[in-house]
Amino acid sequence: MPNLPFQTIDWNTIPITEHKGETGTAYWQTVELPGLRIRIVEYSAGYLADHWCKKGHIVHCLEGEFITEQENGERLLLTQGMTYVVSDELSSHRSIADKPVRLLIVDGEFLQYSGG
């Protein structure tokens, strides 16, 4: 992963993109840096992701609460102030939000599965 110089992100200047779920909508503000993606993501009430994700993430719940569902049926509730971390290919998961929720999501090359 390349070195990143010190920089700030003014989220007020980052455009919002809309991503439909199976139900509900996710709104992303995305910053792409070499080997790194940082997003503020808001799920609408009734959001259910439209796919099972195997990508690694660091997900921090800024506001609200949501469920991260594992493909094996396990469900974990994350509330404001909680974080989950997973490397690529080590989980098949999706998000469910009954009420609106706001997240900080970081992913990139540093989360690639290195085998084991």
PDB file of N, CA and C in Angstrom:
ATOM      1  N   MET A   1       0.856  -1.178   0.000  1.00  0.00           N
ATOM      2  CA  MET A   1       0.000   0.000   0.000  1.00  0.00           C
ATOM      3  C   MET A   1       0.892   1.229   0.000  1.00  0.00           C
ATOM      4  N   PRO A   2       0.606   2.194  -0.871  1.00  0.00           N
ATOM      5  CA  PRO A   2       1.449   3.388  -0.949  1.00  0.00           C
ATOM      6  C   PRO A   2       1.303   4.269   0.294  1.00  0.00           C
ATOM      7  N   ASN A   3       2.328   5.083   0.520  1.00  0.00           N
ATOM      8  CA  ASN A   3       2.258   6.054   1.603  1.00  0.00           C
ATOM      9  C   ASN A   3       1.276   7.147   1.223  1.00  0.00           C
ATOM     10  N   LEU A   4       0.522   7.610   2.189  1.00  0.00           N
ATOM     11  CA  LEU A   4      -0.460   8.671   1.964  1.00  0.00           C
ATOM     12  C   LEU A   4      -0.010   9.911   2.714  1.00  0.00           C
ATOM     13  N   PRO A   5       0.089  11.036   2.021  1.00  0.00           N
ATOM     14  CA  PRO A   5       0.459  12.268   2.719  1.00  0.00           C
ATOM     15  C   PRO A   5      -0.685  12.726   3.618  1.00  0.00           C
ATOM     16  N   PHE A   6      -0.351  13.540   4.621  1.00  0.00           N
ATOM     17  CA  PHE A   6      -1.373  14.090   5.503  1.00  0.00           C
ATOM     18  C   PHE A   6      -2.370  14.868   4.661  1.00  0.00           C
ATOM     19  N   GLN A   7      -3.647  14.642   4.924  1.00  0.00           N
ATOM     20  CA  GLN A   7      -4.695  15.361   4.221  1.00  0.00           C
ATOM     21  C   GLN A   7      -5.975  15.318   5.038  1.00  0.00           C
ATOM     22  N   THR A   8      -6.851  16.229   4.751  1.00  0.00           N
ATOM     23  CA  THR A   8      -8.150  16.254   5.415  1.00  0.00           C
ATOM     24  C   THR A   8      -9.224  15.963   4.377  1.00  0.00           C
ATOM     25  N   ILE A   9     -10.385  15.544   4.877  1.00  0.00           N
ATOM     26  CA  ILE A   9     -11.539  15.296   4.011  1.00  0.00           C
ATOM     27  C   ILE A   9     -12.673  16.165   4.520  1.00  0.00           C
ATOM     28  N   ASP A  10     -13.163  17.037   3.678  1.00  0.00           N
ATOM     29  CA  ASP A  10     -14.345  17.833   4.006  1.00  0.00           C
ATOM     30  C   ASP A  10     -15.540  17.119   3.386  1.00  0.00           C
ATOM     31  N   TRP A  11     -16.252  16.335   4.204  1.00  0.00           N
ATOM     32  CA  TRP A  11     -17.358  15.528   3.701  1.00  0.00           C
ATOM     33  C   TRP A  11     -18.461  16.387   3.109  1.00  0.00           C
ATOM     34  N   ASN A  12     -18.515  17.659   3.464  1.00  0.00           N
ATOM     35  CA  ASN A  12     -19.521  18.563   2.885  1.00  0.00           C
ATOM     36  C   ASN A  12     -19.302  18.786   1.391  1.00  0.00           C
ATOM     37  N   THR A  13     -18.105  18.495   0.897  1.00  0.00           N
ATOM     38  CA  THR A  13     -17.798  18.708  -0.521  1.00  0.00           C
ATOM     39  C   THR A  13     -17.840  17.422  -1.341  1.00  0.00           C
ATOM     40  N   ILE A  14     -18.075  16.294  -0.696  1.00  0.00           N
ATOM     41  CA  ILE A  14     -18.056  15.000  -1.390  1.00  0.00           C
ATOM     42  C   ILE A  14     -19.464  14.688  -1.893  1.00  0.00           C
ATOM     43  N   PRO A  15     -19.625  14.460  -3.196  1.00  0.00           N
ATOM     44  CA  PRO A  15     -20.959  14.182  -3.744  1.00  0.00           C
ATOM     45  C   PRO A  15     -21.554  12.893  -3.176  1.00  0.00           C
ATOM     46  N   ILE A  16     -22.862  12.847  -3.144  1.00  0.00           N
ATOM     47  CA  ILE A  16     -23.603  11.681  -2.663  1.00  0.00           C
ATOM     48  C   ILE A  16     -24.091  10.887  -3.862  1.00  0.00           C
ATOM     49  N   THR A  17     -23.848   9.576  -3.824  1.00  0.00           N
ATOM     50  CA  THR A  17     -24.365   8.685  -4.867  1.00  0.00           C
ATOM     51  C   THR A  17     -25.391   7.748  -4.239  1.00  0.00           C
ATOM     52  N   GLU A  18     -26.359   7.353  -5.022  1.00  0.00           N
ATOM     53  CA  GLU A  18     -27.472   6.524  -4.551  1.00  0.00           C
ATOM     54  C   GLU A  18     -27.279   5.092  -5.029  1.00  0.00           C
ATOM     55  N   HIS A  19     -27.491   4.141  -4.113  1.00  0.00           N
ATOM     56  CA  HIS A  19     -27.340   2.716  -4.419  1.00  0.00           C
ATOM     57  C   HIS A  19     -28.552   1.984  -3.861  1.00  0.00           C
ATOM     58  N   LYS A  20     -29.373   1.468  -4.750  1.00  0.00           N
ATOM     59  CA  LYS A  20     -30.593   0.767  -4.341  1.00  0.00           C
ATOM     60  C   LYS A  20     -30.238  -0.568  -3.710  1.00  0.00           C
ATOM     61  N   GLY A  21     -30.918  -0.903  -2.625  1.00  0.00           N
ATOM     62  CA  GLY A  21     -30.799  -2.214  -2.017  1.00  0.00           C
ATOM     63  C   GLY A  21     -31.900  -3.109  -2.533  1.00  0.00           C
ATOM     64  N   GLU A  22     -31.974  -4.322  -2.000  1.00  0.00           N
ATOM     65  CA  GLU A  22     -33.124  -5.176  -2.309  1.00  0.00           C
ATOM     66  C   GLU A  22     -34.380  -4.428  -1.878  1.00  0.00           C
ATOM     67  N   THR A  23     -34.293  -3.775  -0.719  1.00  0.00           N
ATOM     68  CA  THR A  23     -35.288  -2.803  -0.283  1.00  0.00           C
ATOM     69  C   THR A  23     -34.517  -1.612   0.269  1.00  0.00           C
ATOM     70  N   GLY A  24     -35.089  -0.439   0.172  1.00  0.00           N
ATOM     71  CA  GLY A  24     -34.434   0.759   0.678  1.00  0.00           C
ATOM     72  C   GLY A  24     -33.276   1.212  -0.194  1.00  0.00           C
ATOM     73  N   THR A  25     -32.570   2.222   0.296  1.00  0.00           N
ATOM     74  CA  THR A  25     -31.498   2.842  -0.482  1.00  0.00           C
ATOM     75  C   THR A  25     -30.311   3.148   0.412  1.00  0.00           C
ATOM     76  N   ALA A  26     -29.103   3.016  -0.142  1.00  0.00           N
ATOM     77  CA  ALA A  26     -27.871   3.432   0.527  1.00  0.00           C
ATOM     78  C   ALA A  26     -27.359   4.680  -0.193  1.00  0.00           C
ATOM     79  N   TYR A  27     -26.927   5.654   0.575  1.00  0.00           N
ATOM     80  CA  TYR A  27     -26.361   6.889   0.038  1.00  0.00           C
ATOM     81  C   TYR A  27     -24.901   6.940   0.441  1.00  0.00           C
ATOM     82  N   TRP A  28     -24.005   7.002  -0.558  1.00  0.00           N
ATOM     83  CA  TRP A  28     -22.572   6.941  -0.314  1.00  0.00           C
ATOM     84  C   TRP A  28     -21.918   8.280  -0.622  1.00  0.00           C
ATOM     85  N   GLN A  29     -20.984   8.655   0.227  1.00  0.00           N
ATOM     86  CA  GLN A  29     -20.007   9.693  -0.083  1.00  0.00           C
ATOM     87  C   GLN A  29     -18.673   8.965  -0.060  1.00  0.00           C
ATOM     88  N   THR A  30     -17.952   8.982  -1.172  1.00  0.00           N
ATOM     89  CA  THR A  30     -16.785   8.122  -1.334  1.00  0.00           C
ATOM     90  C   THR A  30     -15.535   8.929  -1.658  1.00  0.00           C
ATOM     91  N   VAL A  31     -14.455   8.602  -0.952  1.00  0.00           N
ATOM     92  CA  VAL A  31     -13.132   9.143  -1.246  1.00  0.00           C
ATOM     93  C   VAL A  31     -12.246   7.959  -1.609  1.00  0.00           C
ATOM     94  N   GLU A  32     -11.661   8.006  -2.803  1.00  0.00           N
ATOM     95  CA  GLU A  32     -10.761   6.958  -3.277  1.00  0.00           C
ATOM     96  C   GLU A  32      -9.333   7.479  -3.227  1.00  0.00           C
ATOM     97  N   LEU A  33      -8.476   6.733  -2.542  1.00  0.00           N
ATOM     98  CA  LEU A  33      -7.049   7.023  -2.484  1.00  0.00           C
ATOM     99  C   LEU A  33      -6.327   5.765  -2.945  1.00  0.00           C
ATOM    100  N   PRO A  34      -5.048   5.833  -3.270  1.00  0.00           N
ATOM    101  CA  PRO A  34      -4.348   4.623  -3.722  1.00  0.00           C
ATOM    102  C   PRO A  34      -4.454   3.493  -2.692  1.00  0.00           C
ATOM    103  N   GLY A  35      -5.118   2.405  -3.073  1.00  0.00           N
ATOM    104  CA  GLY A  35      -5.254   1.238  -2.217  1.00  0.00           C
ATOM    105  C   GLY A  35      -6.214   1.393  -1.062  1.00  0.00           C
ATOM    106  N   LEU A  36      -7.018   2.469  -1.067  1.00  0.00           N
ATOM    107  CA  LEU A  36      -7.875   2.759   0.080  1.00  0.00           C
ATOM    108  C   LEU A  36      -9.161   3.440  -0.380  1.00  0.00           C
ATOM    109  N   ARG A  37     -10.284   3.006   0.180  1.00  0.00           N
ATOM    110  CA  ARG A  37     -11.571   3.651  -0.068  1.00  0.00           C
ATOM    111  C   ARG A  37     -12.190   3.986   1.291  1.00  0.00           C
ATOM    112  N   ILE A  38     -12.628   5.233   1.440  1.00  0.00           N
ATOM    113  CA  ILE A  38     -13.257   5.694   2.669  1.00  0.00           C
ATOM    114  C   ILE A  38     -14.633   6.222   2.297  1.00  0.00           C
ATOM    115  N   ARG A  39     -15.663   5.773   3.048  1.00  0.00           N
ATOM    116  CA  ARG A  39     -17.026   6.193   2.718  1.00  0.00           C
ATOM    117  C   ARG A  39     -17.800   6.568   3.971  1.00  0.00           C
ATOM    118  N   ILE A  40     -18.654   7.555   3.824  1.00  0.00           N
ATOM    119  CA  ILE A  40     -19.748   7.774   4.757  1.00  0.00           C
ATOM    120  C   ILE A  40     -20.965   7.199   4.040  1.00  0.00           C
ATOM    121  N   VAL A  41     -21.642   6.265   4.682  1.00  0.00           N
ATOM    122  CA  VAL A  41     -22.772   5.580   4.068  1.00  0.00           C
ATOM    123  C   VAL A  41     -23.983   5.740   4.978  1.00  0.00           C
ATOM    124  N   GLU A  42     -25.090   6.127   4.384  1.00  0.00           N
ATOM    125  CA  GLU A  42     -26.351   6.219   5.113  1.00  0.00           C
ATOM    126  C   GLU A  42     -27.338   5.242   4.487  1.00  0.00           C
ATOM    127  N   TYR A  43     -27.931   4.404   5.333  1.00  0.00           N
ATOM    128  CA  TYR A  43     -28.975   3.491   4.887  1.00  0.00           C
ATOM    129  C   TYR A  43     -30.321   4.099   5.257  1.00  0.00           C
ATOM    130  N   SER A  44     -31.259   4.014   4.332  1.00  0.00           N
ATOM    131  CA  SER A  44     -32.621   4.463   4.626  1.00  0.00           C
ATOM    132  C   SER A  44     -33.313   3.436   5.519  1.00  0.00           C
ATOM    133  N   ALA A  45     -34.417   3.830   6.113  1.00  0.00           N
ATOM    134  CA  ALA A  45     -35.233   2.887   6.865  1.00  0.00           C
ATOM    135  C   ALA A  45     -35.666   1.764   5.926  1.00  0.00           C
ATOM    136  N   GLY A  46     -35.648   0.546   6.419  1.00  0.00           N
ATOM    137  CA  GLY A  46     -36.066  -0.595   5.610  1.00  0.00           C
ATOM    138  C   GLY A  46     -35.022  -1.070   4.630  1.00  0.00           C
ATOM    139  N   TYR A  47     -33.753  -0.696   4.833  1.00  0.00           N
ATOM    140  CA  TYR A  47     -32.693  -1.091   3.888  1.00  0.00           C
ATOM    141  C   TYR A  47     -32.311  -2.552   4.076  1.00  0.00           C
ATOM    142  N   LEU A  48     -32.189  -3.261   2.968  1.00  0.00           N
ATOM    143  CA  LEU A  48     -31.632  -4.608   2.925  1.00  0.00           C
ATOM    144  C   LEU A  48     -30.701  -4.649   1.723  1.00  0.00           C
ATOM    145  N   ALA A  49     -29.441  -4.975   1.949  1.00  0.00           N
ATOM    146  CA  ALA A  49     -28.465  -5.040   0.856  1.00  0.00           C
ATOM    147  C   ALA A  49     -28.932  -6.030  -0.207  1.00  0.00           C
ATOM    148  N   ASP A  50     -28.594  -5.733  -1.447  1.00  0.00           N
ATOM    149  CA  ASP A  50     -29.051  -6.570  -2.561  1.00  0.00           C
ATOM    150  C   ASP A  50     -28.065  -7.687  -2.912  1.00  0.00           C
ATOM    151  N   HIS A  51     -27.033  -7.890  -2.070  1.00  0.00           N
ATOM    152  CA  HIS A  51     -26.050  -8.932  -2.350  1.00  0.00           C
ATOM    153  C   HIS A  51     -25.347  -9.340  -1.058  1.00  0.00           C
ATOM    154  N   TRP A  52     -24.731 -10.513  -1.090  1.00  0.00           N
ATOM    155  CA  TRP A  52     -23.844 -10.969  -0.017  1.00  0.00           C
ATOM    156  C   TRP A  52     -22.454 -10.481  -0.375  1.00  0.00           C
ATOM    157  N   CYS A  53     -21.799  -9.807   0.542  1.00  0.00           N
ATOM    158  CA  CYS A  53     -20.498  -9.201   0.285  1.00  0.00           C
ATOM    159  C   CYS A  53     -19.396 -10.032   0.935  1.00  0.00           C
ATOM    160  N   LYS A  54     -18.316 -10.278   0.191  1.00  0.00           N
ATOM    161  CA  LYS A  54     -17.162 -11.009   0.728  1.00  0.00           C
ATOM    162  C   LYS A  54     -15.953 -10.082   0.902  1.00  0.00           C
ATOM    163  N   LYS A  55     -16.173  -8.793   0.659  1.00  0.00           N
ATOM    164  CA  LYS A  55     -15.091  -7.824   0.763  1.00  0.00           C
ATOM    165  C   LYS A  55     -14.812  -7.508   2.222  1.00  0.00           C
ATOM    166  N   GLY A  56     -13.553  -7.242   2.534  1.00  0.00           N
ATOM    167  CA  GLY A  56     -13.177  -6.834   3.879  1.00  0.00           C
ATOM    168  C   GLY A  56     -13.525  -5.376   4.120  1.00  0.00           C
ATOM    169  N   HIS A  57     -13.881  -5.058   5.345  1.00  0.00           N
ATOM    170  CA  HIS A  57     -14.249  -3.697   5.720  1.00  0.00           C
ATOM    171  C   HIS A  57     -13.868  -3.424   7.167  1.00  0.00           C
ATOM    172  N   ILE A  58     -13.738  -2.167   7.470  1.00  0.00           N
ATOM    173  CA  ILE A  58     -13.851  -1.661   8.830  1.00  0.00           C
ATOM    174  C   ILE A  58     -15.104  -0.808   8.788  1.00  0.00           C
ATOM    175  N   VAL A  59     -16.110  -1.169   9.573  1.00  0.00           N
ATOM    176  CA  VAL A  59     -17.393  -0.470   9.570  1.00  0.00           C
ATOM    177  C   VAL A  59     -17.648   0.072  10.972  1.00  0.00           C
ATOM    178  N   HIS A  60     -17.788   1.379  11.064  1.00  0.00           N
ATOM    179  CA  HIS A  60     -18.051   2.038  12.345  1.00  0.00           C
ATOM    180  C   HIS A  60     -19.411   2.722  12.276  1.00  0.00           C
ATOM    181  N   CYS A  61     -20.274   2.425  13.236  1.00  0.00           N
ATOM    182  CA  CYS A  61     -21.617   2.993  13.277  1.00  0.00           C
ATOM    183  C   CYS A  61     -21.562   4.373  13.931  1.00  0.00           C
ATOM    184  N   LEU A  62     -21.818   5.403  13.129  1.00  0.00           N
ATOM    185  CA  LEU A  62     -21.785   6.781  13.601  1.00  0.00           C
ATOM    186  C   LEU A  62     -23.089   7.184  14.273  1.00  0.00           C
ATOM    187  N   GLU A  63     -24.205   6.765  13.690  1.00  0.00           N
ATOM    188  CA  GLU A  63     -25.538   7.117  14.205  1.00  0.00           C
ATOM    189  C   GLU A  63     -26.494   5.984  13.904  1.00  0.00           C
ATOM    190  N   GLY A  64     -27.373   5.682  14.854  1.00  0.00           N
ATOM    191  CA  GLY A  64     -28.387   4.666  14.641  1.00  0.00           C
ATOM    192  C   GLY A  64     -27.879   3.275  14.975  1.00  0.00           C
ATOM    193  N   GLU A  65     -28.484   2.283  14.337  1.00  0.00           N
ATOM    194  CA  GLU A  65     -28.092   0.894  14.530  1.00  0.00           C
ATOM    195  C   GLU A  65     -28.489   0.096  13.297  1.00  0.00           C
ATOM    196  N   PHE A  66     -27.775  -1.009  13.093  1.00  0.00           N
ATOM    197  CA  PHE A  66     -28.082  -1.887  11.966  1.00  0.00           C
ATOM    198  C   PHE A  66     -27.647  -3.303  12.310  1.00  0.00           C
ATOM    199  N   ILE A  67     -28.094  -4.230  11.498  1.00  0.00           N
ATOM    200  CA  ILE A  67     -27.722  -5.627  11.667  1.00  0.00           C
ATOM    201  C   ILE A  67     -26.795  -6.001  10.525  1.00  0.00           C
ATOM    202  N   THR A  68     -25.694  -6.656  10.866  1.00  0.00           N
ATOM    203  CA  THR A  68     -24.893  -7.289   9.834  1.00  0.00           C
ATOM    204  C   THR A  68     -25.223  -8.780   9.911  1.00  0.00           C
ATOM    205  N   GLU A  69     -25.733  -9.293   8.808  1.00  0.00           N
ATOM    206  CA  GLU A  69     -26.163 -10.684   8.736  1.00  0.00           C
ATOM    207  C   GLU A  69     -25.108 -11.494   7.993  1.00  0.00           C
ATOM    208  N   GLN A  70     -24.721 -12.613   8.583  1.00  0.00           N
ATOM    209  CA  GLN A  70     -23.783 -13.526   7.947  1.00  0.00           C
ATOM    210  C   GLN A  70     -24.575 -14.527   7.103  1.00  0.00           C
ATOM    211  N   GLU A  71     -23.991 -15.003   6.039  1.00  0.00           N
ATOM    212  CA  GLU A  71     -24.691 -15.946   5.167  1.00  0.00           C
ATOM    213  C   GLU A  71     -25.063 -17.230   5.905  1.00  0.00           C
ATOM    214  N   ASN A  72     -24.357 -17.549   7.006  1.00  0.00           N
ATOM    215  CA  ASN A  72     -24.672 -18.738   7.807  1.00  0.00           C
ATOM    216  C   ASN A  72     -25.863 -18.509   8.736  1.00  0.00           C
ATOM    217  N   GLY A  73     -26.473 -17.302   8.682  1.00  0.00           N
ATOM    218  CA  GLY A  73     -27.660 -17.006   9.469  1.00  0.00           C
ATOM    219  C   GLY A  73     -27.391 -16.201  10.731  1.00  0.00           C
ATOM    220  N   GLU A  74     -26.140 -16.100  11.144  1.00  0.00           N
ATOM    221  CA  GLU A  74     -25.813 -15.311  12.339  1.00  0.00           C
ATOM    222  C   GLU A  74     -26.102 -13.835  12.077  1.00  0.00           C
ATOM    223  N   ARG A  75     -26.689 -13.175  13.059  1.00  0.00           N
ATOM    224  CA  ARG A  75     -27.009 -11.747  12.952  1.00  0.00           C
ATOM    225  C   ARG A  75     -26.392 -11.025  14.134  1.00  0.00           C
ATOM    226  N   LEU A  76     -25.702  -9.924  13.844  1.00  0.00           N
ATOM    227  CA  LEU A  76     -25.066  -9.126  14.884  1.00  0.00           C
ATOM    228  C   LEU A  76     -25.589  -7.704  14.809  1.00  0.00           C
ATOM    229  N   LEU A  77     -26.047  -7.191  15.938  1.00  0.00           N
ATOM    230  CA  LEU A  77     -26.538  -5.816  16.013  1.00  0.00           C
ATOM    231  C   LEU A  77     -25.372  -4.900  16.341  1.00  0.00           C
ATOM    232  N   LEU A  78     -25.181  -3.888  15.504  1.00  0.00           N
ATOM    233  CA  LEU A  78     -24.192  -2.856  15.777  1.00  0.00           C
ATOM    234  C   LEU A  78     -24.929  -1.554  16.047  1.00  0.00           C
ATOM    235  N   THR A  79     -24.611  -0.948  17.175  1.00  0.00           N
ATOM    236  CA  THR A  79     -25.237   0.306  17.569  1.00  0.00           C
ATOM    237  C   THR A  79     -24.205   1.426  17.514  1.00  0.00           C
ATOM    238  N   GLN A  80     -24.667   2.640  17.678  1.00  0.00           N
ATOM    239  CA  GLN A  80     -23.791   3.813  17.625  1.00  0.00           C
ATOM    240  C   GLN A  80     -22.557   3.589  18.500  1.00  0.00           C
ATOM    241  N   GLY A  81     -21.388   3.832  17.907  1.00  0.00           N
ATOM    242  CA  GLY A  81     -20.127   3.681  18.628  1.00  0.00           C
ATOM    243  C   GLY A  81     -19.479   2.320  18.474  1.00  0.00           C
ATOM    244  N   MET A  82     -20.175   1.354  17.844  1.00  0.00           N
ATOM    245  CA  MET A  82     -19.606   0.019  17.642  1.00  0.00           C
ATOM    246  C   MET A  82     -18.970  -0.084  16.260  1.00  0.00           C
ATOM    247  N   THR A  83     -18.024  -1.023  16.141  1.00  0.00           N
ATOM    248  CA  THR A  83     -17.273  -1.234  14.906  1.00  0.00           C
ATOM    249  C   THR A  83     -17.150  -2.724  14.645  1.00  0.00           C
ATOM    250  N   TYR A  84     -17.168  -3.115  13.355  1.00  0.00           N
ATOM    251  CA  TYR A  84     -16.736  -4.475  13.031  1.00  0.00           C
ATOM    252  C   TYR A  84     -15.612  -4.399  12.013  1.00  0.00           C
ATOM    253  N   VAL A  85     -14.769  -5.439  12.035  1.00  0.00           N
ATOM    254  CA  VAL A  85     -13.606  -5.534  11.159  1.00  0.00           C
ATOM    255  C   VAL A  85     -13.571  -6.938  10.578  1.00  0.00           C
ATOM    256  N   VAL A  86     -13.323  -7.050   9.269  1.00  0.00           N
ATOM    257  CA  VAL A  86     -13.177  -8.360   8.638  1.00  0.00           C
ATOM    258  C   VAL A  86     -12.302  -8.204   7.397  1.00  0.00           C
ATOM    259  N   SER A  87     -11.469  -9.203   7.130  1.00  0.00           N
ATOM    260  CA  SER A  87     -10.647  -9.219   5.918  1.00  0.00           C
ATOM    261  C   SER A  87     -11.437  -9.777   4.746  1.00  0.00           C
ATOM    262  N   ASP A  88     -10.955  -9.502   3.532  1.00  0.00           N
ATOM    263  CA  ASP A  88     -11.562 -10.039   2.321  1.00  0.00           C
ATOM    264  C   ASP A  88     -11.690 -11.561   2.431  1.00  0.00           C
ATOM    265  N   GLU A  89     -12.775 -12.087   1.910  1.00  0.00           N
ATOM    266  CA  GLU A  89     -13.017 -13.527   1.759  1.00  0.00           C
ATOM    267  C   GLU A  89     -13.191 -14.293   3.062  1.00  0.00           C
ATOM    268  N   LEU A  90     -13.262 -13.615   4.222  1.00  0.00           N
ATOM    269  CA  LEU A  90     -13.416 -14.333   5.488  1.00  0.00           C
ATOM    270  C   LEU A  90     -14.843 -14.293   6.016  1.00  0.00           C
ATOM    271  N   SER A  91     -15.733 -13.659   5.276  1.00  0.00           N
ATOM    272  CA  SER A  91     -17.128 -13.576   5.691  1.00  0.00           C
ATOM    273  C   SER A  91     -17.963 -13.266   4.464  1.00  0.00           C
ATOM    274  N   SER A  92     -19.165 -13.780   4.461  1.00  0.00           N
ATOM    275  CA  SER A  92     -20.149 -13.384   3.467  1.00  0.00           C
ATOM    276  C   SER A  92     -21.261 -12.718   4.261  1.00  0.00           C
ATOM    277  N   HIS A  93     -21.414 -11.416   4.097  1.00  0.00           N
ATOM    278  CA  HIS A  93     -22.274 -10.628   4.970  1.00  0.00           C
ATOM    279  C   HIS A  93     -23.097  -9.623   4.175  1.00  0.00           C
ATOM    280  N   ARG A  94     -24.159  -9.124   4.812  1.00  0.00           N
ATOM    281  CA  ARG A  94     -24.952  -8.052   4.221  1.00  0.00           C
ATOM    282  C   ARG A  94     -25.556  -7.233   5.362  1.00  0.00           C
ATOM    283  N   SER A  95     -25.968  -6.013   5.033  1.00  0.00           N
ATOM    284  CA  SER A  95     -26.508  -5.098   6.037  1.00  0.00           C
ATOM    285  C   SER A  95     -28.021  -5.014   5.953  1.00  0.00           C
ATOM    286  N   ILE A  96     -28.622  -4.837   7.139  1.00  0.00           N
ATOM    287  CA  ILE A  96     -30.065  -4.664   7.279  1.00  0.00           C
ATOM    288  C   ILE A  96     -30.281  -3.493   8.231  1.00  0.00           C
ATOM    289  N   ALA A  97     -31.117  -2.552   7.842  1.00  0.00           N
ATOM    290  CA  ALA A  97     -31.407  -1.399   8.711  1.00  0.00           C
ATOM    291  C   ALA A  97     -32.913  -1.170   8.762  1.00  0.00           C
ATOM    292  N   ASP A  98     -33.495  -1.330   9.941  1.00  0.00           N
ATOM    293  CA  ASP A  98     -34.922  -1.040  10.108  1.00  0.00           C
ATOM    294  C   ASP A  98     -35.180   0.462  10.094  1.00  0.00           C
ATOM    295  N   LYS A  99     -34.258   1.213  10.698  1.00  0.00           N
ATOM    296  CA  LYS A  99     -34.353   2.670  10.779  1.00  0.00           C
ATOM    297  C   LYS A  99     -33.122   3.265  10.100  1.00  0.00           C
ATOM    298  N   PRO A 100     -33.124   4.554   9.779  1.00  0.00           N
ATOM    299  CA  PRO A 100     -31.944   5.163   9.160  1.00  0.00           C
ATOM    300  C   PRO A 100     -30.702   4.986  10.037  1.00  0.00           C
ATOM    301  N   VAL A 101     -29.568   4.799   9.380  1.00  0.00           N
ATOM    302  CA  VAL A 101     -28.289   4.610  10.076  1.00  0.00           C
ATOM    303  C   VAL A 101     -27.190   5.296   9.267  1.00  0.00           C
ATOM    304  N   ARG A 102     -26.160   5.761   9.937  1.00  0.00           N
ATOM    305  CA  ARG A 102     -25.025   6.439   9.292  1.00  0.00           C
ATOM    306  C   ARG A 102     -23.745   5.736   9.710  1.00  0.00           C
ATOM    307  N   LEU A 103     -22.917   5.350   8.731  1.00  0.00           N
ATOM    308  CA  LEU A 103     -21.723   4.553   8.962  1.00  0.00           C
ATOM    309  C   LEU A 103     -20.495   5.207   8.355  1.00  0.00           C
ATOM    310  N   LEU A 104     -19.340   4.917   8.927  1.00  0.00           N
ATOM    311  CA  LEU A 104     -18.051   5.197   8.311  1.00  0.00           C
ATOM    312  C   LEU A 104     -17.486   3.846   7.907  1.00  0.00           C
ATOM    313  N   ILE A 105     -17.180   3.679   6.618  1.00  0.00           N
ATOM    314  CA  ILE A 105     -16.689   2.392   6.113  1.00  0.00           C
ATOM    315  C   ILE A 105     -15.346   2.618   5.427  1.00  0.00           C
ATOM    316  N   VAL A 106     -14.364   1.805   5.831  1.00  0.00           N
ATOM    317  CA  VAL A 106     -13.021   1.878   5.261  1.00  0.00           C
ATOM    318  C   VAL A 106     -12.687   0.502   4.709  1.00  0.00           C
ATOM    319  N   ASP A 107     -12.211   0.448   3.476  1.00  0.00           N
ATOM    320  CA  ASP A 107     -11.730  -0.803   2.921  1.00  0.00           C
ATOM    321  C   ASP A 107     -10.581  -0.523   1.967  1.00  0.00           C
ATOM    322  N   GLY A 108      -9.878  -1.571   1.616  1.00  0.00           N
ATOM    323  CA  GLY A 108      -8.745  -1.390   0.714  1.00  0.00           C
ATOM    324  C   GLY A 108      -7.804  -2.574   0.741  1.00  0.00           C
ATOM    325  N   GLU A 109      -6.667  -2.392   0.099  1.00  0.00           N
ATOM    326  CA  GLU A 109      -5.693  -3.472  -0.076  1.00  0.00           C
ATOM    327  C   GLU A 109      -5.208  -4.057   1.237  1.00  0.00           C
ATOM    328  N   PHE A 110      -5.168  -3.272   2.285  1.00  0.00           N
ATOM    329  CA  PHE A 110      -4.661  -3.753   3.571  1.00  0.00           C
ATOM    330  C   PHE A 110      -5.556  -4.830   4.190  1.00  0.00           C
ATOM    331  N   LEU A 111      -6.754  -5.015   3.678  1.00  0.00           N
ATOM    332  CA  LEU A 111      -7.674  -6.024   4.198  1.00  0.00           C
ATOM    333  C   LEU A 111      -7.709  -7.288   3.339  1.00  0.00           C
ATOM    334  N   GLN A 112      -6.806  -7.387   2.375  1.00  0.00           N
ATOM    335  CA  GLN A 112      -6.796  -8.574   1.530  1.00  0.00           C
ATOM    336  C   GLN A 112      -6.388  -9.791   2.362  1.00  0.00           C
ATOM    337  N   TYR A 113      -7.093 -10.889   2.123  1.00  0.00           N
ATOM    338  CA  TYR A 113      -6.816 -12.153   2.816  1.00  0.00           C
ATOM    339  C   TYR A 113      -5.474 -12.678   2.347  1.00  0.00           C
ATOM    340  N   SER A 114      -4.617 -13.037   3.284  1.00  0.00           N
ATOM    341  CA  SER A 114      -3.276 -13.504   2.921  1.00  0.00           C
ATOM    342  C   SER A 114      -3.132 -15.009   3.020  1.00  0.00           C
ATOM    343  N   GLY A 115      -4.237 -15.720   3.181  1.00  0.00           N
ATOM    344  CA  GLY A 115      -4.170 -17.172   3.296  1.00  0.00           C
ATOM    345  C   GLY A 115      -3.853 -17.570   4.726  1.00  0.00           C
ATOM    346  N   GLY A 116      -3.840 -18.780   4.984  1.00  0.00           N
ATOM    347  CA  GLY A 116      -3.600 -19.102   6.371  1.00  0.00           C
ATOM    348  C   GLY A 116      -3.271 -20.483   6.587  1.00  0.00           C
TER     349      GLY A 116
END
